[in-house]
Protein backbone atom coordinates (compact mmCIF):
# COMPACT_ATOMS: atom_id res chain seq x y z
CA UNK A 1 -168.68 30.55 3.62
CA UNK A 2 -169.26 33.81 2.08
CA UNK A 3 -166.44 35.69 0.60
CA UNK A 4 -165.35 38.89 2.37
CA UNK A 5 -167.85 41.63 0.98
CA UNK A 6 -165.04 43.49 -0.77
CA UNK A 7 -164.15 40.21 -2.65
CA UNK A 8 -167.71 39.60 -3.87
CA UNK A 9 -168.90 41.49 -7.26
CA UNK A 10 -172.32 42.87 -6.32
CA UNK A 11 -172.40 44.78 -9.59
CA UNK A 12 -171.88 41.61 -11.68
CA UNK A 13 -174.29 39.42 -9.54
CA UNK A 14 -176.95 42.12 -9.84
CA UNK A 15 -176.57 42.50 -13.52
CA UNK A 16 -176.65 38.74 -13.85
CA UNK A 17 -179.92 38.83 -12.00
CA UNK A 18 -181.22 41.36 -14.59
CA UNK A 19 -180.70 38.57 -17.32
CA UNK A 20 -182.56 36.08 -15.31
CA UNK A 21 -179.62 34.10 -13.87
CA UNK A 22 -181.02 32.52 -10.75
CA UNK A 23 -177.68 31.38 -9.18
CA UNK A 24 -176.63 35.23 -9.21
CA UNK A 25 -179.65 35.92 -7.09
CA UNK A 26 -178.91 33.13 -4.64
CA UNK A 27 -175.23 34.42 -4.39
CA UNK A 28 -176.46 38.07 -3.64
CA UNK A 29 -178.83 36.48 -0.95
CA UNK A 30 -176.13 34.32 0.59
CA UNK A 31 -173.90 37.57 0.66
CA UNK A 32 -176.28 40.19 1.84
CA UNK A 33 -179.44 38.60 3.37
CA UNK A 34 -178.25 38.54 7.09
CA UNK A 35 -177.29 42.26 6.86
CA UNK A 36 -180.26 43.16 4.98
CA UNK A 37 -182.49 41.59 7.61
CA UNK A 38 -180.70 43.86 10.21
CA UNK A 39 -181.62 46.90 8.04
CA UNK A 40 -185.27 45.95 8.00
CA UNK A 41 -185.39 44.87 11.57
CA UNK A 42 -184.07 48.23 12.65
CA UNK A 43 -186.89 50.04 10.88
CA UNK A 44 -189.91 47.58 11.57
CA UNK A 45 -188.64 46.25 14.90
CA UNK A 46 -190.26 43.18 14.70
CA UNK A 47 -188.60 39.98 13.35
CA UNK A 48 -191.54 38.20 11.63
CA UNK A 49 -192.41 41.48 9.79
CA UNK A 50 -188.71 42.14 9.03
CA UNK A 51 -188.58 38.71 7.39
CA UNK A 52 -191.70 39.52 5.43
CA UNK A 53 -190.12 42.73 4.29
CA UNK A 54 -186.92 41.10 3.25
CA UNK A 55 -188.95 38.61 1.22
CA UNK A 56 -190.71 41.34 -0.61
CA UNK A 57 -187.44 43.29 -1.05
CA UNK A 58 -185.81 40.09 -2.79
CA UNK A 59 -188.74 39.57 -5.06
CA UNK A 60 -188.37 43.43 -6.15
CA UNK A 61 -184.69 42.62 -6.51
CA UNK A 62 -185.31 40.04 -8.78
CA UNK A 63 -188.02 41.64 -10.80
CA UNK A 64 -186.42 45.11 -11.10
CA UNK A 65 -182.65 44.20 -11.42
CA UNK A 66 -182.71 45.59 -14.81
CA UNK A 67 -183.31 49.00 -13.36
CA UNK A 68 -180.04 48.95 -11.69
CA UNK A 69 -177.53 51.38 -13.39
CA UNK A 70 -173.87 51.02 -12.20
CA UNK A 71 -173.22 54.43 -13.45
CA UNK A 72 -175.39 55.79 -10.76
CA UNK A 73 -174.12 53.87 -7.74
CA UNK A 74 -173.18 50.49 -6.29
CA UNK A 75 -175.23 47.33 -6.54
CA UNK A 76 -174.79 46.85 -2.80
CA UNK A 77 -176.12 50.35 -2.16
CA UNK A 78 -179.09 49.66 -4.52
CA UNK A 79 -179.85 46.47 -2.52
CA UNK A 80 -179.95 48.39 0.71
CA UNK A 81 -182.14 51.23 -0.73
CA UNK A 82 -184.66 48.47 -2.04
CA UNK A 83 -184.87 46.97 1.59
CA UNK A 84 -185.00 50.20 3.30
CA UNK A 85 -187.85 51.45 1.13
CA UNK A 86 -189.76 48.21 1.49
CA UNK A 87 -189.20 48.51 5.45
CA UNK A 88 -190.22 52.13 5.38
CA UNK A 89 -193.23 51.48 3.36
CA UNK A 90 -194.22 48.57 5.85
CA UNK A 91 -193.77 50.84 8.73
CA UNK A 92 -195.89 53.60 7.23
CA UNK A 93 -198.59 51.00 6.31
CA UNK A 94 -198.76 49.93 9.97
CA UNK A 95 -199.02 53.53 11.08
CA UNK A 96 -195.76 53.49 12.97
CA UNK A 97 -193.67 56.46 13.41
CA UNK A 98 -190.03 55.73 13.84
CA UNK A 99 -188.24 57.09 16.79
CA UNK A 100 -184.84 58.97 16.35
CA UNK A 101 -182.23 57.42 18.56
CA UNK A 102 -178.67 56.28 18.46
CA UNK A 103 -179.59 52.81 17.28
CA UNK A 104 -181.40 54.08 14.24
CA UNK A 105 -178.31 56.58 13.47
CA UNK A 106 -176.09 53.60 13.98
CA UNK A 107 -177.87 51.85 11.13
CA UNK A 108 -176.84 54.61 8.77
CA UNK A 109 -173.19 53.16 9.07
CA UNK A 110 -172.11 50.29 7.03
CA UNK A 111 -172.41 47.23 9.02
CA UNK A 112 -169.89 45.27 7.11
CA UNK A 113 -167.01 46.99 8.99
CA UNK A 114 -165.58 45.25 12.06
CA UNK A 115 -167.01 46.77 15.34
CA UNK A 116 -163.98 49.11 16.05
CA UNK A 117 -164.32 50.52 12.54
CA UNK A 118 -167.98 50.82 12.80
CA UNK A 119 -167.82 52.48 16.11
CA UNK A 120 -165.53 55.10 14.77
CA UNK A 121 -167.61 55.59 11.63
CA UNK A 122 -170.62 56.06 14.05
CA UNK A 123 -168.89 58.45 16.15
CA UNK A 124 -167.74 60.42 12.90
CA UNK A 125 -171.26 60.35 11.48
CA UNK A 126 -172.53 61.82 14.89
CA UNK A 127 -169.90 64.36 14.77
CA UNK A 128 -170.64 65.29 11.05
CA UNK A 129 -174.34 65.57 11.88
CA UNK A 130 -173.77 67.92 14.87
CA UNK A 131 -171.78 70.27 12.50
CA UNK A 132 -174.91 70.82 10.44
CA UNK A 133 -177.19 73.49 11.42
CA UNK A 134 -180.44 72.61 12.90
CA UNK A 135 -182.73 72.86 9.93
CA UNK A 136 -180.34 70.81 7.77
CA UNK A 137 -179.71 68.18 10.45
CA UNK A 138 -183.52 67.80 11.15
CA UNK A 139 -184.33 67.60 7.42
CA UNK A 140 -181.62 64.84 6.86
CA UNK A 141 -182.68 62.87 9.91
CA UNK A 142 -186.44 63.02 8.85
CA UNK A 143 -185.68 62.09 5.30
CA UNK A 144 -183.09 59.25 5.85
CA UNK A 145 -184.27 58.04 9.18
CA UNK A 146 -187.83 58.55 9.50
CA UNK A 147 -188.49 58.20 5.76
CA UNK A 148 -190.58 61.29 5.45
CA UNK A 149 -191.10 62.91 2.08
CA UNK A 150 -189.95 66.29 1.46
CA UNK A 151 -193.55 67.59 1.78
CA UNK A 152 -194.11 66.02 5.08
CA UNK A 153 -190.77 67.36 6.51
CA UNK A 154 -191.88 70.87 5.28
CA UNK A 155 -195.14 70.36 7.16
CA UNK A 156 -193.45 69.03 10.16
CA UNK A 157 -190.86 71.92 10.30
CA UNK A 158 -193.30 74.49 9.09
CA UNK A 159 -191.02 75.52 6.31
CA UNK A 160 -191.42 76.29 2.74
CA UNK A 161 -191.05 73.03 0.38
CA UNK A 162 -188.11 74.69 -1.51
CA UNK A 163 -186.17 75.43 1.74
CA UNK A 164 -186.39 71.78 2.82
CA UNK A 165 -185.26 70.51 -0.54
CA UNK A 166 -182.35 73.01 -0.41
CA UNK A 167 -181.50 72.15 3.33
CA UNK A 168 -181.32 68.53 2.41
CA UNK A 169 -179.25 68.96 -0.84
CA UNK A 170 -176.88 71.13 1.16
CA UNK A 171 -176.80 69.22 4.20
CA UNK A 172 -175.97 65.97 2.18
CA UNK A 173 -173.09 67.86 0.41
CA UNK A 174 -171.81 68.87 3.85
CA UNK A 175 -172.10 65.52 5.43
CA UNK A 176 -170.20 64.06 2.14
CA UNK A 177 -167.42 66.37 2.62
CA UNK A 178 -167.08 65.75 6.29
CA UNK A 179 -167.09 61.97 5.96
CA UNK A 180 -164.65 61.76 3.03
């Protein structure tokens, strides 16, 4: 049985992976794989493809664990970023555009919390997103849900690239404040 997520030291396990410690990778896999599969599945919407994405992501974790810096964020967040990036890359490769719906927005909320807490967090996230003005909200959703680059967002919104970057930066700051 896996320990509760808060009892598991993700940082130490990922740093051990960077040193070539295979049991650390196995421990990370045992702890997070089912949740990470859910992240991939939400993006690619096909179980077999999500499993392939997860496989590729674990290879990247193993080979790139040395690039993890605990000063820049949590190991758990780093793992989710790797999986999300792999899934978005696969979705783009397949020519898929990702719909914006509540299911995807729910995926932005930490899935390790029990359902009542997750529902409250999802509600809070939706409330915080609604407090943003339209350009900031659109930019954040396009960047973090659809996986668009800043240039793609600028083109899609017919806005200057500098404005898009600014809207995202300010929108994230507003979300961080609202969610804290």
